Amino acid sequence: MTATTTAPITATPVRTGDKPNARLRAWATRAPLLPALIFMIAATQLPFVATLVISFFDWNSLYPDARGFAGFANYGEVLTDPDLRRSVWTTILLTVAVVLASLVLGLVLALLLDRRFRGRGIVRTLLIAPFLVVPVAAALLWKHVLYNPEYGLFNGLLHYVGGPQPDWISKTPLLAVEASLVWQWTPFMMLILLAGLQSRDHQQIEAARVDGASDWQIFRHLTLPHLRRYLELGALLGSIYIVQNFDAVFTITSGGLGTANLPYTVYQTFYQAHENGLASAAGVLVVIGSIIIATFALRVVSSLFREEVGRS
């Protein structure tokens, strides 16, 4: 028998200078991001902190000497004032109507674009175009080109067929605002749902067709459950933006005829009534509501990423 000898295992000494060097390298990689981080904090967080502080003061800019600490009185007035509560209700109606209509129309367009046909790229580009229009320009387009009772396109078509000539903004003010927002946000929902449709398992769909499933059964039992997360994501992201919408209300109706939502009411309170503290309290509540919706949106996005990683 031959004896085997094993070489002694020697521990590699840990250099004490490695840890500081690693920290220096980490800071060196993060340093280019510091200017952007500082700018973001200065541009977003500092104004919000100032708004939060002002919301606790009874502060009318017309009477600067009468400024005083009010505690939560401004928040109580926001929640109990009839005009502000009406604007909250209008904001909810506007958001729900626009998001639901945009989701339904976006789903229909996404299902059409998911099919192969000649010119699909051109059609997709044209359908995306409304989302790329500046919000104020889109509102002006609807107000003057479409809604105008004298030279608007809608009344022009009705005049051609001998129909009535209504004043769309005066008769249906909230619906007029909702229609312009639906036109602008439907492409956004379409893109999200189209991405969901293109991530389906096509082998599963082909297997269902082989088993004799109809298009409606495939949509109901395979496509719609698969799109649930994408529908939730579109609804949450759309709600975040529609809740804060100001341009359409200001441009089309100027907040009149019962269309004043919460952002427009904040504008009126601050710039017309000069109630800085009250307007700041209402603005803080809008931000809190948006943060709550954004939290749910981030959870949906993270669950979508987990599903994609699990699928791959």
Protein backbone atom coordinates (compact mmCIF):
# COMPACT_ATOMS: atom_id res chain seq x y z
CA MET A 1 0.00 0.00 0.00
CA THR A 2 1.21 3.44 -0.81
CA ALA A 3 0.45 6.22 1.55
CA THR A 4 -1.18 9.30 0.10
CA THR A 5 -0.36 12.63 1.50
CA THR A 6 -2.66 15.60 1.28
CA ALA A 7 -1.30 19.05 0.91
CA PRO A 8 -2.08 21.28 3.86
CA ILE A 9 -4.84 23.79 3.26
CA THR A 10 -3.68 27.27 3.89
CA ALA A 11 -6.19 30.02 4.50
CA THR A 12 -5.83 33.03 2.29
CA PRO A 13 -5.33 36.06 4.44
CA VAL A 14 -8.01 38.70 4.11
CA ARG A 15 -6.59 42.06 3.43
CA THR A 16 -8.07 44.72 5.59
CA GLY A 17 -7.92 47.24 2.76
CA ASP A 18 -10.38 45.31 0.53
CA LYS A 19 -13.51 46.47 2.33
CA PRO A 20 -12.79 50.22 2.09
CA ASN A 21 -11.78 49.78 -1.54
CA ALA A 22 -15.07 48.04 -2.29
CA ARG A 23 -16.93 50.90 -0.67
CA LEU A 24 -14.97 53.42 -2.70
CA ARG A 25 -15.75 51.53 -5.91
CA ALA A 26 -19.44 51.43 -5.01
CA TRP A 27 -19.50 55.17 -4.36
CA ALA A 28 -17.57 55.77 -7.59
CA THR A 29 -20.26 53.92 -9.58
CA ARG A 30 -23.06 55.84 -7.84
CA ALA A 31 -21.45 59.26 -8.02
CA PRO A 32 -22.67 60.06 -11.57
CA LEU A 33 -26.25 59.58 -10.35
CA LEU A 34 -25.93 62.06 -7.48
CA PRO A 35 -26.59 65.24 -9.56
CA ALA A 36 -29.80 63.71 -10.96
CA LEU A 37 -30.84 62.60 -7.46
CA ILE A 38 -30.17 66.05 -6.00
CA PHE A 39 -32.09 67.71 -8.83
CA MET A 40 -35.04 65.34 -8.38
CA ILE A 41 -35.18 66.04 -4.64
CA ALA A 42 -34.94 69.80 -5.21
CA ALA A 43 -37.58 69.77 -7.96
CA THR A 44 -40.14 67.42 -6.38
CA GLN A 45 -39.63 66.77 -2.69
CA LEU A 46 -38.76 70.25 -1.44
CA PRO A 47 -41.88 71.86 -3.04
CA PHE A 48 -44.02 69.09 -1.56
CA VAL A 49 -42.55 69.66 1.90
CA ALA A 50 -43.24 73.40 1.52
CA THR A 51 -46.83 72.63 0.43
CA LEU A 52 -47.24 70.33 3.41
CA VAL A 53 -46.06 73.05 5.82
CA ILE A 54 -48.28 75.74 4.24
CA SER A 55 -51.31 73.42 4.51
CA PHE A 56 -51.20 73.80 8.31
CA PHE A 57 -51.52 77.60 8.15
CA ASP A 58 -54.49 79.92 7.70
CA TRP A 59 -52.83 81.91 4.94
CA ASN A 60 -54.58 84.25 2.54
CA SER A 61 -52.16 86.07 0.27
CA LEU A 62 -54.42 89.16 0.26
CA TYR A 63 -53.98 89.45 4.05
CA PRO A 64 -50.38 88.34 4.72
CA ASP A 65 -50.29 89.88 8.19
CA ALA A 66 -53.23 87.73 9.34
CA ARG A 67 -51.35 84.49 8.73
CA GLY A 68 -51.50 82.00 11.59
CA PHE A 69 -51.15 78.33 12.45
CA ALA A 70 -54.40 76.45 11.84
CA GLY A 71 -53.44 72.82 12.47
CA PHE A 72 -55.72 70.39 10.64
CA ALA A 73 -58.49 72.98 10.16
CA ASN A 74 -57.73 73.31 6.43
CA TYR A 75 -58.03 69.55 5.95
CA GLY A 76 -61.32 69.56 7.82
CA GLU A 77 -62.62 72.34 5.59
CA VAL A 78 -61.52 70.46 2.47
CA LEU A 79 -63.44 67.38 3.57
CA THR A 80 -66.57 69.28 4.67
CA ASP A 81 -66.85 72.14 2.17
CA PRO A 82 -69.71 71.40 -0.29
CA ASP A 83 -67.85 72.74 -3.34
CA LEU A 84 -64.74 70.75 -2.55
CA ARG A 85 -66.73 67.58 -1.87
CA ARG A 86 -68.55 68.11 -5.16
CA SER A 87 -65.22 68.42 -6.93
CA VAL A 88 -64.06 65.16 -5.32
CA TRP A 89 -67.20 63.43 -6.61
CA THR A 90 -66.67 64.93 -10.07
CA THR A 91 -63.07 63.70 -10.02
CA ILE A 92 -64.23 60.16 -9.18
CA LEU A 93 -66.87 60.18 -11.93
CA LEU A 94 -64.43 61.57 -14.48
CA THR A 95 -61.73 59.06 -13.58
CA VAL A 96 -63.98 56.00 -13.54
CA ALA A 97 -65.73 56.89 -16.81
CA VAL A 98 -62.52 57.70 -18.70
CA VAL A 99 -60.58 54.68 -17.43
CA LEU A 100 -63.38 52.17 -18.11
CA ALA A 101 -64.16 53.54 -21.58
CA SER A 102 -60.46 53.68 -22.48
CA LEU A 103 -59.92 50.11 -21.30
CA VAL A 104 -62.85 48.75 -23.31
CA LEU A 105 -61.89 50.61 -26.49
CA GLY A 106 -58.21 49.82 -25.96
CA LEU A 107 -59.02 46.12 -25.59
CA VAL A 108 -61.03 46.11 -28.83
CA LEU A 109 -58.23 47.88 -30.73
CA ALA A 110 -55.58 45.60 -29.21
CA LEU A 111 -57.51 42.50 -30.30
CA LEU A 112 -57.75 43.92 -33.84
CA LEU A 113 -54.05 44.83 -33.99
CA ASP A 114 -53.08 41.40 -32.67
CA ARG A 115 -54.20 39.96 -36.02
CA ARG A 116 -52.00 40.05 -39.10
CA PHE A 117 -53.18 42.24 -41.95
CA ARG A 118 -51.62 44.48 -44.57
CA GLY A 119 -50.70 47.91 -43.27
CA ARG A 120 -50.84 46.91 -39.61
CA GLY A 121 -47.76 49.01 -38.76
CA ILE A 122 -49.26 52.14 -40.29
CA VAL A 123 -52.59 51.58 -38.51
CA ARG A 124 -50.80 51.05 -35.20
CA THR A 125 -48.85 54.30 -35.63
CA LEU A 126 -52.01 56.25 -36.44
CA LEU A 127 -53.82 54.82 -33.42
CA ILE A 128 -50.95 55.74 -31.10
CA ALA A 129 -50.86 59.35 -32.38
CA PRO A 130 -53.60 60.79 -30.07
CA PHE A 131 -51.58 59.82 -27.00
CA LEU A 132 -48.60 61.82 -28.31
CA VAL A 133 -50.58 65.05 -28.73
CA VAL A 134 -49.94 67.72 -26.08
CA PRO A 135 -52.93 67.62 -23.64
CA VAL A 136 -53.76 71.31 -24.06
CA ALA A 137 -53.61 71.00 -27.85
CA ALA A 138 -55.88 67.94 -27.71
CA ALA A 139 -58.41 69.83 -25.57
CA LEU A 140 -58.33 72.81 -27.95
CA LEU A 141 -58.83 70.45 -30.87
CA TRP A 142 -61.96 68.99 -29.35
CA LYS A 143 -63.29 72.35 -28.18
CA HIS A 144 -62.94 74.27 -31.45
CA VAL A 145 -62.63 71.71 -34.25
CA LEU A 146 -65.22 69.20 -33.04
CA TYR A 147 -67.53 70.79 -30.43
CA ASN A 148 -67.96 74.32 -31.77
CA PRO A 149 -71.69 74.81 -32.53
CA GLU A 150 -71.05 77.06 -35.54
CA TYR A 151 -68.13 75.52 -37.42
CA GLY A 152 -67.43 72.29 -35.51
CA LEU A 153 -67.13 68.96 -37.31
CA PHE A 154 -69.89 67.26 -35.30
CA ASN A 155 -72.50 69.90 -36.13
CA GLY A 156 -71.25 70.01 -39.70
CA LEU A 157 -72.00 66.30 -40.12
CA LEU A 158 -75.40 66.72 -38.43
CA HIS A 159 -76.19 69.66 -40.71
CA TYR A 160 -75.29 67.53 -43.74
CA VAL A 161 -77.89 64.89 -42.75
CA GLY A 162 -80.44 67.47 -41.57
CA GLY A 163 -79.99 66.88 -37.86
CA PRO A 164 -80.05 69.33 -34.91
CA GLN A 165 -77.20 71.70 -34.08
CA PRO A 166 -76.59 71.28 -30.33
CA ASP A 167 -74.05 73.14 -28.24
CA TRP A 168 -72.16 70.08 -27.06
CA ILE A 169 -70.23 71.74 -24.23
CA SER A 170 -73.28 73.49 -22.76
CA LYS A 171 -75.62 70.47 -22.96
CA THR A 172 -73.20 67.69 -21.99
CA PRO A 173 -70.20 69.41 -20.35
CA LEU A 174 -68.82 66.47 -18.34
CA LEU A 175 -69.33 64.08 -21.24
CA ALA A 176 -67.49 66.52 -23.51
CA VAL A 177 -64.47 66.47 -21.19
CA GLU A 178 -64.64 62.68 -20.83
CA ALA A 179 -64.76 62.13 -24.60
CA SER A 180 -61.62 64.16 -25.19
CA LEU A 181 -59.76 62.28 -22.45
CA VAL A 182 -60.96 58.89 -23.71
CA TRP A 183 -59.70 59.78 -27.19
CA GLN A 184 -56.29 60.62 -25.75
CA TRP A 185 -55.93 57.70 -23.31
CA THR A 186 -57.32 54.83 -25.40
CA PRO A 187 -53.96 54.39 -27.24
CA PHE A 188 -52.18 54.07 -23.90
CA MET A 189 -54.50 51.26 -22.80
CA MET A 190 -54.21 49.68 -26.25
CA LEU A 191 -50.42 49.46 -26.01
CA ILE A 192 -50.51 47.84 -22.57
CA LEU A 193 -53.13 45.29 -23.58
CA LEU A 194 -51.41 44.59 -26.91
CA ALA A 195 -48.23 43.76 -25.00
CA GLY A 196 -50.29 41.37 -22.87
CA LEU A 197 -51.83 39.72 -25.92
CA GLN A 198 -48.43 39.18 -27.52
CA SER A 199 -47.13 37.48 -24.35
CA ARG A 200 -49.78 34.73 -24.46
CA ASP A 201 -48.83 31.08 -24.80
CA HIS A 202 -49.75 30.45 -28.45
CA GLN A 203 -49.30 26.69 -28.08
CA GLN A 204 -52.05 26.66 -25.47
CA ILE A 205 -54.34 28.61 -27.80
CA GLU A 206 -53.63 26.23 -30.70
CA ALA A 207 -54.35 23.27 -28.44
CA ALA A 208 -57.69 24.83 -27.49
CA ARG A 209 -58.56 25.32 -31.17
CA VAL A 210 -57.71 21.69 -31.88
CA ASP A 211 -60.06 20.66 -29.07
CA GLY A 212 -62.86 22.61 -30.78
CA ALA A 213 -62.94 25.78 -28.68
CA SER A 214 -64.57 28.78 -30.34
CA ASP A 215 -63.03 32.27 -30.47
CA TRP A 216 -65.35 33.46 -27.70
CA GLN A 217 -64.41 30.51 -25.46
CA ILE A 218 -60.70 31.16 -26.06
CA PHE A 219 -61.16 34.83 -25.24
CA ARG A 220 -63.24 34.15 -22.14
CA HIS A 221 -61.26 31.29 -20.61
CA LEU A 222 -57.69 31.95 -21.84
CA THR A 223 -57.18 35.51 -23.10
CA LEU A 224 -59.17 37.44 -20.51
CA PRO A 225 -57.63 35.69 -17.45
CA HIS A 226 -54.19 36.26 -18.97
CA LEU A 227 -54.95 39.96 -19.46
CA ARG A 228 -56.19 40.49 -15.91
CA ARG A 229 -52.88 41.88 -14.65
CA TYR A 230 -52.51 44.09 -17.70
CA LEU A 231 -56.05 45.41 -17.25
CA GLU A 232 -55.29 46.19 -13.62
CA LEU A 233 -52.05 47.93 -14.59
CA GLY A 234 -53.77 50.04 -17.24
CA ALA A 235 -56.58 50.99 -14.86
CA LEU A 236 -54.20 51.99 -12.08
CA LEU A 237 -51.81 53.98 -14.28
CA GLY A 238 -54.71 55.67 -16.05
CA SER A 239 -56.30 56.56 -12.72
CA ILE A 240 -53.08 58.17 -11.49
CA TYR A 241 -53.01 60.54 -14.45
CA ILE A 242 -56.75 61.21 -14.80
CA VAL A 243 -57.11 62.07 -11.10
CA GLN A 244 -54.54 64.83 -11.62
CA ASN A 245 -55.90 66.02 -14.97
CA PHE A 246 -56.27 69.78 -15.24
CA ASP A 247 -55.77 70.65 -18.90
CA ALA A 248 -59.00 69.29 -20.37
CA VAL A 249 -61.24 70.78 -17.67
CA PHE A 250 -59.53 74.16 -17.82
CA THR A 251 -59.48 74.35 -21.63
CA ILE A 252 -62.90 72.96 -22.55
CA THR A 253 -65.22 74.17 -19.78
CA SER A 254 -63.05 76.36 -17.49
CA GLY A 255 -64.41 74.32 -14.59
CA GLY A 256 -67.98 75.49 -15.18
CA LEU A 257 -71.24 73.56 -15.55
CA GLY A 258 -70.33 71.08 -12.83
CA THR A 259 -67.06 69.90 -14.37
CA ALA A 260 -64.63 71.32 -11.78
CA ASN A 261 -62.54 68.40 -10.56
CA LEU A 262 -60.21 68.52 -7.57
CA PRO A 263 -57.10 69.83 -9.41
CA TYR A 264 -59.15 72.64 -10.95
CA THR A 265 -60.67 73.45 -7.55
CA VAL A 266 -57.16 73.64 -6.09
CA TYR A 267 -56.27 76.08 -8.88
CA GLN A 268 -59.34 78.21 -8.14
CA THR A 269 -58.66 78.22 -4.42
CA PHE A 270 -55.04 79.22 -4.88
CA TYR A 271 -55.09 81.67 -7.80
CA GLN A 272 -58.57 83.17 -7.52
CA ALA A 273 -59.48 82.96 -3.82
CA HIS A 274 -55.79 83.34 -2.79
CA GLU A 275 -56.30 80.79 0.02
CA ASN A 276 -52.79 79.33 0.09
CA GLY A 277 -53.31 77.11 3.13
CA LEU A 278 -56.62 75.65 1.93
CA ALA A 279 -55.31 75.02 -1.58
CA SER A 280 -52.19 73.36 -0.18
CA ALA A 281 -54.31 71.04 1.99
CA ALA A 282 -56.38 70.01 -1.03
CA GLY A 283 -53.22 69.47 -3.06
CA VAL A 284 -51.73 67.26 -0.35
CA LEU A 285 -54.87 65.12 -0.37
CA VAL A 286 -54.57 64.73 -4.16
CA VAL A 287 -50.95 63.63 -3.76
CA ILE A 288 -51.86 61.14 -1.03
CA GLY A 289 -54.58 59.64 -3.22
CA SER A 290 -52.17 59.39 -6.15
CA ILE A 291 -49.55 57.69 -3.95
CA ILE A 292 -52.10 55.11 -2.79
CA ILE A 293 -53.05 54.30 -6.39
CA ALA A 294 -49.37 54.24 -7.42
CA THR A 295 -48.60 51.75 -4.65
CA PHE A 296 -51.14 49.31 -6.06
CA ALA A 297 -49.76 49.94 -9.57
CA LEU A 298 -46.22 49.08 -8.44
CA ARG A 299 -47.47 45.87 -6.87
CA VAL A 300 -49.17 44.90 -10.13
CA VAL A 301 -45.98 45.67 -12.09
CA SER A 302 -43.87 43.58 -9.70
CA SER A 303 -46.30 40.66 -9.97
CA LEU A 304 -46.13 40.91 -13.77
CA PHE A 305 -42.33 40.73 -13.63
CA ARG A 306 -42.49 37.71 -11.32
CA GLU A 307 -44.87 35.97 -13.70
CA GLU A 308 -42.61 36.66 -16.68
CA VAL A 309 -39.55 35.39 -14.80
CA GLY A 310 -41.44 32.26 -13.71
CA ARG A 311 -42.62 31.66 -17.28
CA SER A 312 -39.10 31.95 -18.66
